[in-house]
Amino acid sequence: MTLSLCRFALAFIWIYQGIVPKWLGPHDDELAMNQVLGASHEQAVWIAYGGGALEVGLGLAILVWWRRRWPYQLSALGIGLLSLFVLWLAPQFLLAAFNAATVNAAILALSMIALVELRRS
């Protein structure tokens, strides 16, 4: 039961984050974070689309290969790296009402719980 909740929650978060702020816009905050890297507006849009594809892909991988450890490990590693990116290059985004710190902490916790549950089963 716990693994199923983690799996569906993680898949939803990754797929939602890939589609809504990146593909259906992309959102100004997504573009601003990409432009911190020195990307032009057009490049920032393409980075957002590519990042969205990776996030949707990870969400789908969690749904398909939910009995494997690697999707949850990739989820934890990916969110850890994204968190370091925001902390180092764009810390102003940690002050927003719905910010990277809260979403990323939830993704990391769900990924770790899923890994523990997989070990138990």
PDB file of N, CA and C in Angstrom:
ATOM      1  N   MET A   1       0.825  -1.206   0.000  1.00  0.00           N
ATOM      2  CA  MET A   1       0.000   0.000   0.000  1.00  0.00           C
ATOM      3  C   MET A   1       0.869   1.269   0.000  1.00  0.00           C
ATOM      4  N   THR A   2       1.886   1.293   0.876  1.00  0.00           N
ATOM      5  CA  THR A   2       2.762   2.459   0.956  1.00  0.00           C
ATOM      6  C   THR A   2       3.517   2.671  -0.349  1.00  0.00           C
ATOM      7  N   LEU A   3       4.023   1.574  -0.923  1.00  0.00           N
ATOM      8  CA  LEU A   3       4.752   1.680  -2.186  1.00  0.00           C
ATOM      9  C   LEU A   3       3.844   2.207  -3.293  1.00  0.00           C
ATOM     10  N   SER A   4       2.602   1.753  -3.321  1.00  0.00           N
ATOM     11  CA  SER A   4       1.659   2.229  -4.338  1.00  0.00           C
ATOM     12  C   SER A   4       1.397   3.725  -4.189  1.00  0.00           C
ATOM     13  N   LEU A   5       1.218   4.180  -2.957  1.00  0.00           N
ATOM     14  CA  LEU A   5       1.000   5.612  -2.728  1.00  0.00           C
ATOM     15  C   LEU A   5       2.209   6.428  -3.179  1.00  0.00           C
ATOM     16  N   CYS A   6       3.399   5.963  -2.827  1.00  0.00           N
ATOM     17  CA  CYS A   6       4.621   6.661  -3.254  1.00  0.00           C
ATOM     18  C   CYS A   6       4.731   6.674  -4.768  1.00  0.00           C
ATOM     19  N   ARG A   7       4.476   5.527  -5.373  1.00  0.00           N
ATOM     20  CA  ARG A   7       4.603   5.405  -6.831  1.00  0.00           C
ATOM     21  C   ARG A   7       3.670   6.375  -7.545  1.00  0.00           C
ATOM     22  N   PHE A   8       2.389   6.365  -7.170  1.00  0.00           N
ATOM     23  CA  PHE A   8       1.432   7.231  -7.859  1.00  0.00           C
ATOM     24  C   PHE A   8       1.687   8.712  -7.562  1.00  0.00           C
ATOM     25  N   ALA A   9       2.070   9.029  -6.327  1.00  0.00           N
ATOM     26  CA  ALA A   9       2.365  10.425  -5.990  1.00  0.00           C
ATOM     27  C   ALA A   9       3.584  10.925  -6.763  1.00  0.00           C
ATOM     28  N   LEU A  10       4.649  10.129  -6.785  1.00  0.00           N
ATOM     29  CA  LEU A  10       5.853  10.526  -7.527  1.00  0.00           C
ATOM     30  C   LEU A  10       5.571  10.667  -9.017  1.00  0.00           C
ATOM     31  N   ALA A  11       4.883   9.688  -9.568  1.00  0.00           N
ATOM     32  CA  ALA A  11       4.570   9.749 -11.003  1.00  0.00           C
ATOM     33  C   ALA A  11       3.749  11.000 -11.310  1.00  0.00           C
ATOM     34  N   PHE A  12       2.748  11.278 -10.483  1.00  0.00           N
ATOM     35  CA  PHE A  12       1.921  12.465 -10.700  1.00  0.00           C
ATOM     36  C   PHE A  12       2.764  13.739 -10.642  1.00  0.00           C
ATOM     37  N   ILE A  13       3.608  13.853  -9.607  1.00  0.00           N
ATOM     38  CA  ILE A  13       4.416  15.070  -9.456  1.00  0.00           C
ATOM     39  C   ILE A  13       5.341  15.265 -10.650  1.00  0.00           C
ATOM     40  N   TRP A  14       6.074  14.202 -11.033  1.00  0.00           N
ATOM     41  CA  TRP A  14       7.012  14.335 -12.149  1.00  0.00           C
ATOM     42  C   TRP A  14       6.289  14.649 -13.460  1.00  0.00           C
ATOM     43  N   ILE A  15       5.198  13.957 -13.724  1.00  0.00           N
ATOM     44  CA  ILE A  15       4.462  14.193 -14.976  1.00  0.00           C
ATOM     45  C   ILE A  15       3.848  15.593 -14.980  1.00  0.00           C
ATOM     46  N   TYR A  16       3.241  15.981 -13.870  1.00  0.00           N
ATOM     47  CA  TYR A  16       2.655  17.320 -13.768  1.00  0.00           C
ATOM     48  C   TYR A  16       3.729  18.393 -13.961  1.00  0.00           C
ATOM     49  N   GLN A  17       4.855  18.258 -13.249  1.00  0.00           N
ATOM     50  CA  GLN A  17       5.923  19.254 -13.352  1.00  0.00           C
ATOM     51  C   GLN A  17       6.534  19.298 -14.747  1.00  0.00           C
ATOM     52  N   GLY A  18       6.493  18.179 -15.450  1.00  0.00           N
ATOM     53  CA  GLY A  18       6.994  18.162 -16.818  1.00  0.00           C
ATOM     54  C   GLY A  18       6.045  18.817 -17.802  1.00  0.00           C
ATOM     55  N   ILE A  19       4.754  18.640 -17.582  1.00  0.00           N
ATOM     56  CA  ILE A  19       3.763  19.152 -18.534  1.00  0.00           C
ATOM     57  C   ILE A  19       3.378  20.605 -18.253  1.00  0.00           C
ATOM     58  N   VAL A  20       2.922  20.884 -17.032  1.00  0.00           N
ATOM     59  CA  VAL A  20       2.292  22.184 -16.771  1.00  0.00           C
ATOM     60  C   VAL A  20       3.277  23.359 -16.820  1.00  0.00           C
ATOM     61  N   PRO A  21       4.305  23.414 -15.969  1.00  0.00           N
ATOM     62  CA  PRO A  21       5.151  24.608 -16.033  1.00  0.00           C
ATOM     63  C   PRO A  21       6.142  24.624 -17.194  1.00  0.00           C
ATOM     64  N   LYS A  22       6.349  23.484 -17.848  1.00  0.00           N
ATOM     65  CA  LYS A  22       7.356  23.445 -18.913  1.00  0.00           C
ATOM     66  C   LYS A  22       6.753  23.367 -20.308  1.00  0.00           C
ATOM     67  N   TRP A  23       5.785  22.528 -20.518  1.00  0.00           N
ATOM     68  CA  TRP A  23       5.206  22.377 -21.861  1.00  0.00           C
ATOM     69  C   TRP A  23       4.048  23.331 -22.103  1.00  0.00           C
ATOM     70  N   LEU A  24       3.252  23.618 -21.090  1.00  0.00           N
ATOM     71  CA  LEU A  24       2.083  24.489 -21.277  1.00  0.00           C
ATOM     72  C   LEU A  24       2.445  25.935 -20.970  1.00  0.00           C
ATOM     73  N   GLY A  25       3.390  26.436 -21.563  1.00  0.00           N
ATOM     74  CA  GLY A  25       3.825  27.797 -21.290  1.00  0.00           C
ATOM     75  C   GLY A  25       4.998  28.147 -22.165  1.00  0.00           C
ATOM     76  N   PRO A  26       6.161  27.879 -21.743  1.00  0.00           N
ATOM     77  CA  PRO A  26       6.590  27.519 -20.393  1.00  0.00           C
ATOM     78  C   PRO A  26       6.457  28.698 -19.426  1.00  0.00           C
ATOM     79  N   HIS A  27       6.409  28.371 -18.136  1.00  0.00           N
ATOM     80  CA  HIS A  27       6.224  29.375 -17.100  1.00  0.00           C
ATOM     81  C   HIS A  27       7.439  30.302 -17.038  1.00  0.00           C
ATOM     82  N   ASP A  28       7.186  31.564 -16.709  1.00  0.00           N
ATOM     83  CA  ASP A  28       8.256  32.564 -16.641  1.00  0.00           C
ATOM     84  C   ASP A  28       9.371  32.165 -15.670  1.00  0.00           C
ATOM     85  N   ASP A  29       9.006  31.541 -14.544  1.00  0.00           N
ATOM     86  CA  ASP A  29      10.028  31.119 -13.581  1.00  0.00           C
ATOM     87  C   ASP A  29      10.937  30.042 -14.166  1.00  0.00           C
ATOM     88  N   GLU A  30      10.359  29.126 -14.941  1.00  0.00           N
ATOM     89  CA  GLU A  30      11.174  28.098 -15.600  1.00  0.00           C
ATOM     90  C   GLU A  30      12.175  28.747 -16.547  1.00  0.00           C
ATOM     91  N   LEU A  31      11.700  29.706 -17.317  1.00  0.00           N
ATOM     92  CA  LEU A  31      12.580  30.389 -18.267  1.00  0.00           C
ATOM     93  C   LEU A  31      13.661  31.184 -17.545  1.00  0.00           C
ATOM     94  N   ALA A  32      13.286  31.846 -16.464  1.00  0.00           N
ATOM     95  CA  ALA A  32      14.260  32.637 -15.701  1.00  0.00           C
ATOM     96  C   ALA A  32      15.349  31.741 -15.118  1.00  0.00           C
ATOM     97  N   MET A  33      14.973  30.568 -14.607  1.00  0.00           N
ATOM     98  CA  MET A  33      15.985  29.645 -14.073  1.00  0.00           C
ATOM     99  C   MET A  33      16.929  29.172 -15.173  1.00  0.00           C
ATOM    100  N   ASN A  34      16.380  28.915 -16.347  1.00  0.00           N
ATOM    101  CA  ASN A  34      17.222  28.479 -17.464  1.00  0.00           C
ATOM    102  C   ASN A  34      18.133  29.600 -17.952  1.00  0.00           C
ATOM    103  N   GLN A  35      17.640  30.833 -17.893  1.00  0.00           N
ATOM    104  CA  GLN A  35      18.443  31.963 -18.354  1.00  0.00           C
ATOM    105  C   GLN A  35      19.578  32.291 -17.387  1.00  0.00           C
ATOM    106  N   VAL A  36      19.473  31.813 -16.144  1.00  0.00           N
ATOM    107  CA  VAL A  36      20.575  31.968 -15.193  1.00  0.00           C
ATOM    108  C   VAL A  36      21.830  31.288 -15.737  1.00  0.00           C
ATOM    109  N   LEU A  37      21.633  30.258 -16.549  1.00  0.00           N
ATOM    110  CA  LEU A  37      22.752  29.528 -17.158  1.00  0.00           C
ATOM    111  C   LEU A  37      23.390  30.293 -18.311  1.00  0.00           C
ATOM    112  N   GLY A  38      22.790  31.429 -18.684  1.00  0.00           N
ATOM    113  CA  GLY A  38      23.298  32.211 -19.805  1.00  0.00           C
ATOM    114  C   GLY A  38      22.557  31.939 -21.100  1.00  0.00           C
ATOM    115  N   ALA A  39      21.463  31.199 -21.023  1.00  0.00           N
ATOM    116  CA  ALA A  39      20.684  30.875 -22.218  1.00  0.00           C
ATOM    117  C   ALA A  39      19.862  32.082 -22.659  1.00  0.00           C
ATOM    118  N   SER A  40      19.689  32.212 -23.965  1.00  0.00           N
ATOM    119  CA  SER A  40      18.785  33.230 -24.500  1.00  0.00           C
ATOM    120  C   SER A  40      17.353  32.794 -24.199  1.00  0.00           C
ATOM    121  N   HIS A  41      16.398  33.680 -24.491  1.00  0.00           N
ATOM    122  CA  HIS A  41      14.998  33.328 -24.258  1.00  0.00           C
ATOM    123  C   HIS A  41      14.618  32.086 -25.065  1.00  0.00           C
ATOM    124  N   GLU A  42      14.992  32.063 -26.326  1.00  0.00           N
ATOM    125  CA  GLU A  42      14.650  30.917 -27.182  1.00  0.00           C
ATOM    126  C   GLU A  42      15.303  29.632 -26.671  1.00  0.00           C
ATOM    127  N   GLN A  43      16.552  29.716 -26.267  1.00  0.00           N
ATOM    128  CA  GLN A  43      17.232  28.540 -25.721  1.00  0.00           C
ATOM    129  C   GLN A  43      16.583  28.086 -24.417  1.00  0.00           C
ATOM    130  N   ALA A  44      16.180  29.048 -23.589  1.00  0.00           N
ATOM    131  CA  ALA A  44      15.531  28.723 -22.319  1.00  0.00           C
ATOM    132  C   ALA A  44      14.228  27.963 -22.551  1.00  0.00           C
ATOM    133  N   VAL A  45      13.498  28.340 -23.600  1.00  0.00           N
ATOM    134  CA  VAL A  45      12.257  27.630 -23.944  1.00  0.00           C
ATOM    135  C   VAL A  45      12.570  26.186 -24.312  1.00  0.00           C
ATOM    136  N   TRP A  46      13.581  25.982 -25.131  1.00  0.00           N
ATOM    137  CA  TRP A  46      13.941  24.621 -25.543  1.00  0.00           C
ATOM    138  C   TRP A  46      14.482  23.795 -24.379  1.00  0.00           C
ATOM    139  N   ILE A  47      15.211  24.434 -23.479  1.00  0.00           N
ATOM    140  CA  ILE A  47      15.674  23.736 -22.273  1.00  0.00           C
ATOM    141  C   ILE A  47      14.473  23.302 -21.440  1.00  0.00           C
ATOM    142  N   ALA A  48      13.475  24.179 -21.325  1.00  0.00           N
ATOM    143  CA  ALA A  48      12.259  23.836 -20.580  1.00  0.00           C
ATOM    144  C   ALA A  48      11.543  22.657 -21.227  1.00  0.00           C
ATOM    145  N   TYR A  49      11.401  22.672 -22.537  1.00  0.00           N
ATOM    146  CA  TYR A  49      10.752  21.557 -23.231  1.00  0.00           C
ATOM    147  C   TYR A  49      11.517  20.252 -23.010  1.00  0.00           C
ATOM    148  N   GLY A  50      12.841  20.312 -23.110  1.00  0.00           N
ATOM    149  CA  GLY A  50      13.655  19.115 -22.894  1.00  0.00           C
ATOM    150  C   GLY A  50      13.570  18.615 -21.465  1.00  0.00           C
ATOM    151  N   GLY A  51      13.640  19.541 -20.512  1.00  0.00           N
ATOM    152  CA  GLY A  51      13.495  19.162 -19.107  1.00  0.00           C
ATOM    153  C   GLY A  51      12.133  18.562 -18.828  1.00  0.00           C
ATOM    154  N   GLY A  52      11.107  19.135 -19.447  1.00  0.00           N
ATOM    155  CA  GLY A  52       9.758  18.587 -19.293  1.00  0.00           C
ATOM    156  C   GLY A  52       9.663  17.170 -19.815  1.00  0.00           C
ATOM    157  N   ALA A  53      10.308  16.910 -20.948  1.00  0.00           N
ATOM    158  CA  ALA A  53      10.301  15.556 -21.515  1.00  0.00           C
ATOM    159  C   ALA A  53      10.979  14.569 -20.572  1.00  0.00           C
ATOM    160  N   LEU A  54      12.096  14.985 -19.979  1.00  0.00           N
ATOM    161  CA  LEU A  54      12.788  14.114 -19.024  1.00  0.00           C
ATOM    162  C   LEU A  54      11.927  13.848 -17.792  1.00  0.00           C
ATOM    163  N   GLU A  55      11.245  14.873 -17.310  1.00  0.00           N
ATOM    164  CA  GLU A  55      10.395  14.706 -16.130  1.00  0.00           C
ATOM    165  C   GLU A  55       9.203  13.800 -16.425  1.00  0.00           C
ATOM    166  N   VAL A  56       8.563  13.995 -17.559  1.00  0.00           N
ATOM    167  CA  VAL A  56       7.450  13.114 -17.940  1.00  0.00           C
ATOM    168  C   VAL A  56       7.964  11.684 -18.100  1.00  0.00           C
ATOM    169  N   GLY A  57       9.119  11.538 -18.727  1.00  0.00           N
ATOM    170  CA  GLY A  57       9.705  10.209 -18.898  1.00  0.00           C
ATOM    171  C   GLY A  57       9.976   9.523 -17.575  1.00  0.00           C
ATOM    172  N   LEU A  58      10.481  10.267 -16.598  1.00  0.00           N
ATOM    173  CA  LEU A  58      10.737   9.681 -15.283  1.00  0.00           C
ATOM    174  C   LEU A  58       9.432   9.288 -14.599  1.00  0.00           C
ATOM    175  N   GLY A  59       8.419  10.129 -14.705  1.00  0.00           N
ATOM    176  CA  GLY A  59       7.117   9.785 -14.128  1.00  0.00           C
ATOM    177  C   GLY A  59       6.550   8.517 -14.735  1.00  0.00           C
ATOM    178  N   LEU A  60       6.664   8.383 -16.041  1.00  0.00           N
ATOM    179  CA  LEU A  60       6.181   7.169 -16.716  1.00  0.00           C
ATOM    180  C   LEU A  60       7.022   5.955 -16.333  1.00  0.00           C
ATOM    181  N   ALA A  61       8.334   6.143 -16.189  1.00  0.00           N
ATOM    182  CA  ALA A  61       9.208   5.035 -15.774  1.00  0.00           C
ATOM    183  C   ALA A  61       8.825   4.531 -14.388  1.00  0.00           C
ATOM    184  N   ILE A  62       8.466   5.440 -13.504  1.00  0.00           N
ATOM    185  CA  ILE A  62       8.042   5.043 -12.160  1.00  0.00           C
ATOM    186  C   ILE A  62       6.760   4.220 -12.230  1.00  0.00           C
ATOM    187  N   LEU A  63       5.863   4.572 -13.141  1.00  0.00           N
ATOM    188  CA  LEU A  63       4.625   3.798 -13.294  1.00  0.00           C
ATOM    189  C   LEU A  63       4.874   2.426 -13.913  1.00  0.00           C
ATOM    190  N   VAL A  64       5.763   2.357 -14.887  1.00  0.00           N
ATOM    191  CA  VAL A  64       5.989   1.108 -15.622  1.00  0.00           C
ATOM    192  C   VAL A  64       6.912   0.160 -14.861  1.00  0.00           C
ATOM    193  N   TRP A  65       8.024   0.681 -14.371  1.00  0.00           N
ATOM    194  CA  TRP A  65       9.027  -0.164 -13.712  1.00  0.00           C
ATOM    195  C   TRP A  65       9.003   0.050 -12.207  1.00  0.00           C
ATOM    196  N   TRP A  66       7.818   0.021 -11.621  1.00  0.00           N
ATOM    197  CA  TRP A  66       7.650   0.360 -10.216  1.00  0.00           C
ATOM    198  C   TRP A  66       8.246  -0.665  -9.266  1.00  0.00           C
ATOM    199  N   ARG A  67       8.546  -1.858  -9.716  1.00  0.00           N
ATOM    200  CA  ARG A  67       9.175  -2.882  -8.876  1.00  0.00           C
ATOM    201  C   ARG A  67      10.698  -2.816  -8.931  1.00  0.00           C
ATOM    202  N   ARG A  68      11.229  -1.943  -9.746  1.00  0.00           N
ATOM    203  CA  ARG A  68      12.680  -1.774  -9.867  1.00  0.00           C
ATOM    204  C   ARG A  68      13.134  -0.612  -8.988  1.00  0.00           C
ATOM    205  N   ARG A  69      14.364  -0.664  -8.568  1.00  0.00           N
ATOM    206  CA  ARG A  69      14.905   0.393  -7.711  1.00  0.00           C
ATOM    207  C   ARG A  69      15.341   1.629  -8.510  1.00  0.00           C
ATOM    208  N   TRP A  70      15.795   1.427  -9.748  1.00  0.00           N
ATOM    209  CA  TRP A  70      16.425   2.526 -10.483  1.00  0.00           C
ATOM    210  C   TRP A  70      15.534   3.744 -10.722  1.00  0.00           C
ATOM    211  N   PRO A  71      14.204   3.595 -10.956  1.00  0.00           N
ATOM    212  CA  PRO A  71      13.431   4.838 -11.152  1.00  0.00           C
ATOM    213  C   PRO A  71      13.397   5.714  -9.896  1.00  0.00           C
ATOM    214  N   TYR A  72      13.334   5.063  -8.725  1.00  0.00           N
ATOM    215  CA  TYR A  72      13.304   5.819  -7.473  1.00  0.00           C
ATOM    216  C   TYR A  72      14.681   6.398  -7.155  1.00  0.00           C
ATOM    217  N   GLN A  73      15.732   5.652  -7.482  1.00  0.00           N
ATOM    218  CA  GLN A  73      17.088   6.170  -7.306  1.00  0.00           C
ATOM    219  C   GLN A  73      17.321   7.365  -8.223  1.00  0.00           C
ATOM    220  N   LEU A  74      16.868   7.251  -9.464  1.00  0.00           N
ATOM    221  CA  LEU A  74      17.002   8.354 -10.417  1.00  0.00           C
ATOM    222  C   LEU A  74      16.184   9.561  -9.964  1.00  0.00           C
ATOM    223  N   SER A  75      15.019   9.310  -9.396  1.00  0.00           N
ATOM    224  CA  SER A  75      14.184  10.387  -8.873  1.00  0.00           C
ATOM    225  C   SER A  75      14.905  11.132  -7.753  1.00  0.00           C
ATOM    226  N   ALA A  76      15.474  10.383  -6.808  1.00  0.00           N
ATOM    227  CA  ALA A  76      16.187  11.004  -5.687  1.00  0.00           C
ATOM    228  C   ALA A  76      17.429  11.749  -6.174  1.00  0.00           C
ATOM    229  N   LEU A  77      18.192  11.130  -7.057  1.00  0.00           N
ATOM    230  CA  LEU A  77      19.397  11.769  -7.589  1.00  0.00           C
ATOM    231  C   LEU A  77      19.045  13.013  -8.401  1.00  0.00           C
ATOM    232  N   GLY A  78      18.048  12.881  -9.272  1.00  0.00           N
ATOM    233  CA  GLY A  78      17.642  14.002 -10.116  1.00  0.00           C
ATOM    234  C   GLY A  78      17.163  15.189  -9.309  1.00  0.00           C
ATOM    235  N   ILE A  79      16.336  14.928  -8.305  1.00  0.00           N
ATOM    236  CA  ILE A  79      15.812  16.047  -7.518  1.00  0.00           C
ATOM    237  C   ILE A  79      16.907  16.647  -6.647  1.00  0.00           C
ATOM    238  N   GLY A  80      17.846  15.811  -6.216  1.00  0.00           N
ATOM    239  CA  GLY A  80      18.986  16.332  -5.463  1.00  0.00           C
ATOM    240  C   GLY A  80      19.823  17.280  -6.304  1.00  0.00           C
ATOM    241  N   LEU A  81      20.103  16.883  -7.546  1.00  0.00           N
ATOM    242  CA  LEU A  81      20.887  17.736  -8.449  1.00  0.00           C
ATOM    243  C   LEU A  81      20.136  19.017  -8.810  1.00  0.00           C
ATOM    244  N   LEU A  82      18.835  18.892  -9.064  1.00  0.00           N
ATOM    245  CA  LEU A  82      18.037  20.091  -9.359  1.00  0.00           C
ATOM    246  C   LEU A  82      18.003  21.036  -8.159  1.00  0.00           C
ATOM    247  N   SER A  83      17.932  20.472  -6.961  1.00  0.00           N
ATOM    248  CA  SER A  83      17.925  21.298  -5.746  1.00  0.00           C
ATOM    249  C   SER A  83      19.240  22.050  -5.588  1.00  0.00           C
ATOM    250  N   LEU A  84      20.352  21.360  -5.849  1.00  0.00           N
ATOM    251  CA  LEU A  84      21.660  22.020  -5.777  1.00  0.00           C
ATOM    252  C   LEU A  84      21.774  23.135  -6.809  1.00  0.00           C
ATOM    253  N   PHE A  85      21.240  22.894  -7.999  1.00  0.00           N
ATOM    254  CA  PHE A  85      21.237  23.916  -9.050  1.00  0.00           C
ATOM    255  C   PHE A  85      20.512  25.174  -8.573  1.00  0.00           C
ATOM    256  N   VAL A  86      19.319  24.992  -8.021  1.00  0.00           N
ATOM    257  CA  VAL A  86      18.536  26.145  -7.559  1.00  0.00           C
ATOM    258  C   VAL A  86      19.248  26.835  -6.399  1.00  0.00           C
ATOM    259  N   LEU A  87      19.740  26.057  -5.460  1.00  0.00           N
ATOM    260  CA  LEU A  87      20.419  26.631  -4.294  1.00  0.00           C
ATOM    261  C   LEU A  87      21.653  27.431  -4.700  1.00  0.00           C
ATOM    262  N   TRP A  88      22.397  26.931  -5.655  1.00  0.00           N
ATOM    263  CA  TRP A  88      23.653  27.551  -6.054  1.00  0.00           C
ATOM    264  C   TRP A  88      23.453  28.718  -7.023  1.00  0.00           C
ATOM    265  N   LEU A  89      22.616  28.523  -8.049  1.00  0.00           N
ATOM    266  CA  LEU A  89      22.513  29.513  -9.119  1.00  0.00           C
ATOM    267  C   LEU A  89      21.278  30.407  -9.060  1.00  0.00           C
ATOM    268  N   ALA A  90      20.231  29.958  -8.398  1.00  0.00           N
ATOM    269  CA  ALA A  90      18.994  30.745  -8.403  1.00  0.00           C
ATOM    270  C   ALA A  90      18.284  30.671  -7.052  1.00  0.00           C
ATOM    271  N   PRO A  91      18.975  31.018  -5.960  1.00  0.00           N
ATOM    272  CA  PRO A  91      18.367  30.870  -4.631  1.00  0.00           C
ATOM    273  C   PRO A  91      17.131  31.736  -4.411  1.00  0.00           C
ATOM    274  N   GLN A  92      16.948  32.762  -5.226  1.00  0.00           N
ATOM    275  CA  GLN A  92      15.761  33.608  -5.080  1.00  0.00           C
ATOM    276  C   GLN A  92      14.469  32.816  -5.284  1.00  0.00           C
ATOM    277  N   PHE A  93      14.546  31.696  -6.005  1.00  0.00           N
ATOM    278  CA  PHE A  93      13.350  30.887  -6.241  1.00  0.00           C
ATOM    279  C   PHE A  93      12.952  30.073  -5.018  1.00  0.00           C
ATOM    280  N   LEU A  94      13.789  30.057  -3.999  1.00  0.00           N
ATOM    281  CA  LEU A  94      13.445  29.355  -2.763  1.00  0.00           C
ATOM    282  C   LEU A  94      12.543  30.197  -1.867  1.00  0.00           C
ATOM    283  N   LEU A  95      12.328  31.450  -2.218  1.00  0.00           N
ATOM    284  CA  LEU A  95      11.513  32.355  -1.410  1.00  0.00           C
ATOM    285  C   LEU A  95      10.063  32.449  -1.881  1.00  0.00           C
ATOM    286  N   ALA A  96       9.744  31.836  -2.995  1.00  0.00           N
ATOM    287  CA  ALA A  96       8.383  31.909  -3.545  1.00  0.00           C
ATOM    288  C   ALA A  96       7.416  31.098  -2.683  1.00  0.00           C
ATOM    289  N   ALA A  97       6.142  31.405  -2.800  1.00  0.00           N
ATOM    290  CA  ALA A  97       5.125  30.704  -2.008  1.00  0.00           C
ATOM    291  C   ALA A  97       5.143  29.201  -2.277  1.00  0.00           C
ATOM    292  N   PHE A  98       5.154  28.813  -3.520  1.00  0.00           N
ATOM    293  CA  PHE A  98       5.252  27.404  -3.907  1.00  0.00           C
ATOM    294  C   PHE A  98       6.623  27.242  -4.539  1.00  0.00           C
ATOM    295  N   ASN A  99       7.578  26.851  -3.721  1.00  0.00           N
ATOM    296  CA  ASN A  99       8.961  26.905  -4.179  1.00  0.00           C
ATOM    297  C   ASN A  99       9.591  25.531  -4.322  1.00  0.00           C
ATOM    298  N   ALA A 100      10.797  25.558  -4.871  1.00  0.00           N
ATOM    299  CA  ALA A 100      11.524  24.319  -5.146  1.00  0.00           C
ATOM    300  C   ALA A 100      11.812  23.528  -3.874  1.00  0.00           C
ATOM    301  N   ALA A 101      12.056  24.187  -2.769  1.00  0.00           N
ATOM    302  CA  ALA A 101      12.420  23.475  -1.539  1.00  0.00           C
ATOM    303  C   ALA A 101      11.303  22.548  -1.075  1.00  0.00           C
ATOM    304  N   THR A 102      10.070  23.011  -1.111  1.00  0.00           N
ATOM    305  CA  THR A 102       8.970  22.190  -0.603  1.00  0.00           C
ATOM    306  C   THR A 102       8.655  21.025  -1.534  1.00  0.00           C
ATOM    307  N   VAL A 103       8.575  21.283  -2.816  1.00  0.00           N
ATOM    308  CA  VAL A 103       8.288  20.213  -3.781  1.00  0.00           C
ATOM    309  C   VAL A 103       9.439  19.213  -3.811  1.00  0.00           C
ATOM    310  N   ASN A 104      10.664  19.711  -3.828  1.00  0.00           N
ATOM    311  CA  ASN A 104      11.820  18.829  -3.908  1.00  0.00           C
ATOM    312  C   ASN A 104      11.959  17.957  -2.665  1.00  0.00           C
ATOM    313  N   ALA A 105      11.659  18.515  -1.495  1.00  0.00           N
ATOM    314  CA  ALA A 105      11.712  17.721  -0.264  1.00  0.00           C
ATOM    315  C   ALA A 105      10.692  16.587  -0.314  1.00  0.00           C
ATOM    316  N   ALA A 106       9.507  16.874  -0.831  1.00  0.00           N
ATOM    317  CA  ALA A 106       8.478  15.838  -0.947  1.00  0.00           C
ATOM    318  C   ALA A 106       8.912  14.741  -1.919  1.00  0.00           C
ATOM    319  N   ILE A 107       9.476  15.128  -3.051  1.00  0.00           N
ATOM    320  CA  ILE A 107       9.937  14.140  -4.034  1.00  0.00           C
ATOM    321  C   ILE A 107      11.048  13.279  -3.437  1.00  0.00           C
ATOM    322  N   LEU A 108      11.986  13.895  -2.749  1.00  0.00           N
ATOM    323  CA  LEU A 108      13.083  13.138  -2.146  1.00  0.00           C
ATOM    324  C   LEU A 108      12.555  12.167  -1.089  1.00  0.00           C
ATOM    325  N   ALA A 109      11.657  12.638  -0.224  1.00  0.00           N
ATOM    326  CA  ALA A 109      11.100  11.772   0.820  1.00  0.00           C
ATOM    327  C   ALA A 109      10.318  10.605   0.217  1.00  0.00           C
ATOM    328  N   LEU A 110       9.478  10.872  -0.762  1.00  0.00           N
ATOM    329  CA  LEU A 110       8.707   9.800  -1.400  1.00  0.00           C
ATOM    330  C   LEU A 110       9.622   8.793  -2.094  1.00  0.00           C
ATOM    331  N   SER A 111      10.673   9.272  -2.717  1.00  0.00           N
ATOM    332  CA  SER A 111      11.627   8.377  -3.384  1.00  0.00           C
ATOM    333  C   SER A 111      12.317   7.471  -2.371  1.00  0.00           C
ATOM    334  N   MET A 112      12.729   8.039  -1.252  1.00  0.00           N
ATOM    335  CA  MET A 112      13.414   7.254  -0.226  1.00  0.00           C
ATOM    336  C   MET A 112      12.467   6.248   0.433  1.00  0.00           C
ATOM    337  N   ILE A 113      11.239   6.654   0.686  1.00  0.00           N
ATOM    338  CA  ILE A 113      10.254   5.727   1.260  1.00  0.00           C
ATOM    339  C   ILE A 113       9.999   4.575   0.300  1.00  0.00           C
ATOM    340  N   ALA A 114       9.874   4.875  -0.978  1.00  0.00           N
ATOM    341  CA  ALA A 114       9.660   3.819  -1.977  1.00  0.00           C
ATOM    342  C   ALA A 114      10.827   2.842  -1.992  1.00  0.00           C
ATOM    343  N   LEU A 115      12.048   3.343  -1.900  1.00  0.00           N
ATOM    344  CA  LEU A 115      13.218   2.459  -1.878  1.00  0.00           C
ATOM    345  C   LEU A 115      13.220   1.565  -0.641  1.00  0.00           C
ATOM    346  N   VAL A 116      12.844   2.113   0.502  1.00  0.00           N
ATOM    347  CA  VAL A 116      12.753   1.307   1.729  1.00  0.00           C
ATOM    348  C   VAL A 116      11.674   0.242   1.580  1.00  0.00           C
ATOM    349  N   GLU A 117      10.534   0.619   1.038  1.00  0.00           N
ATOM    350  CA  GLU A 117       9.431  -0.334   0.858  1.00  0.00           C
ATOM    351  C   GLU A 117       9.800  -1.435  -0.133  1.00  0.00           C
ATOM    352  N   LEU A 118      10.533  -1.098  -1.174  1.00  0.00           N
ATOM    353  CA  LEU A 118      10.980  -2.118  -2.129  1.00  0.00           C
ATOM    354  C   LEU A 118      11.907  -3.121  -1.458  1.00  0.00           C
ATOM    355  N   ARG A 119      12.746  -2.645  -0.586  1.00  0.00           N
ATOM    356  CA  ARG A 119      13.669  -3.532   0.126  1.00  0.00           C
ATOM    357  C   ARG A 119      12.896  -4.491   1.035  1.00  0.00           C
ATOM    358  N   ARG A 120      11.804  -4.023   1.621  1.00  0.00           N
ATOM    359  CA  ARG A 120      10.995  -4.859   2.520  1.00  0.00           C
ATOM    360  C   ARG A 120      10.229  -5.945   1.780  1.00  0.00           C
ATOM    361  N   SER A 121       9.889  -5.676   0.527  1.00  0.00           N
ATOM    362  CA  SER A 121       9.041  -6.636  -0.201  1.00  0.00           C
ATOM    363  C   SER A 121       9.842  -7.687  -0.936  1.00  0.00           C
TER     364      SER A 121
END
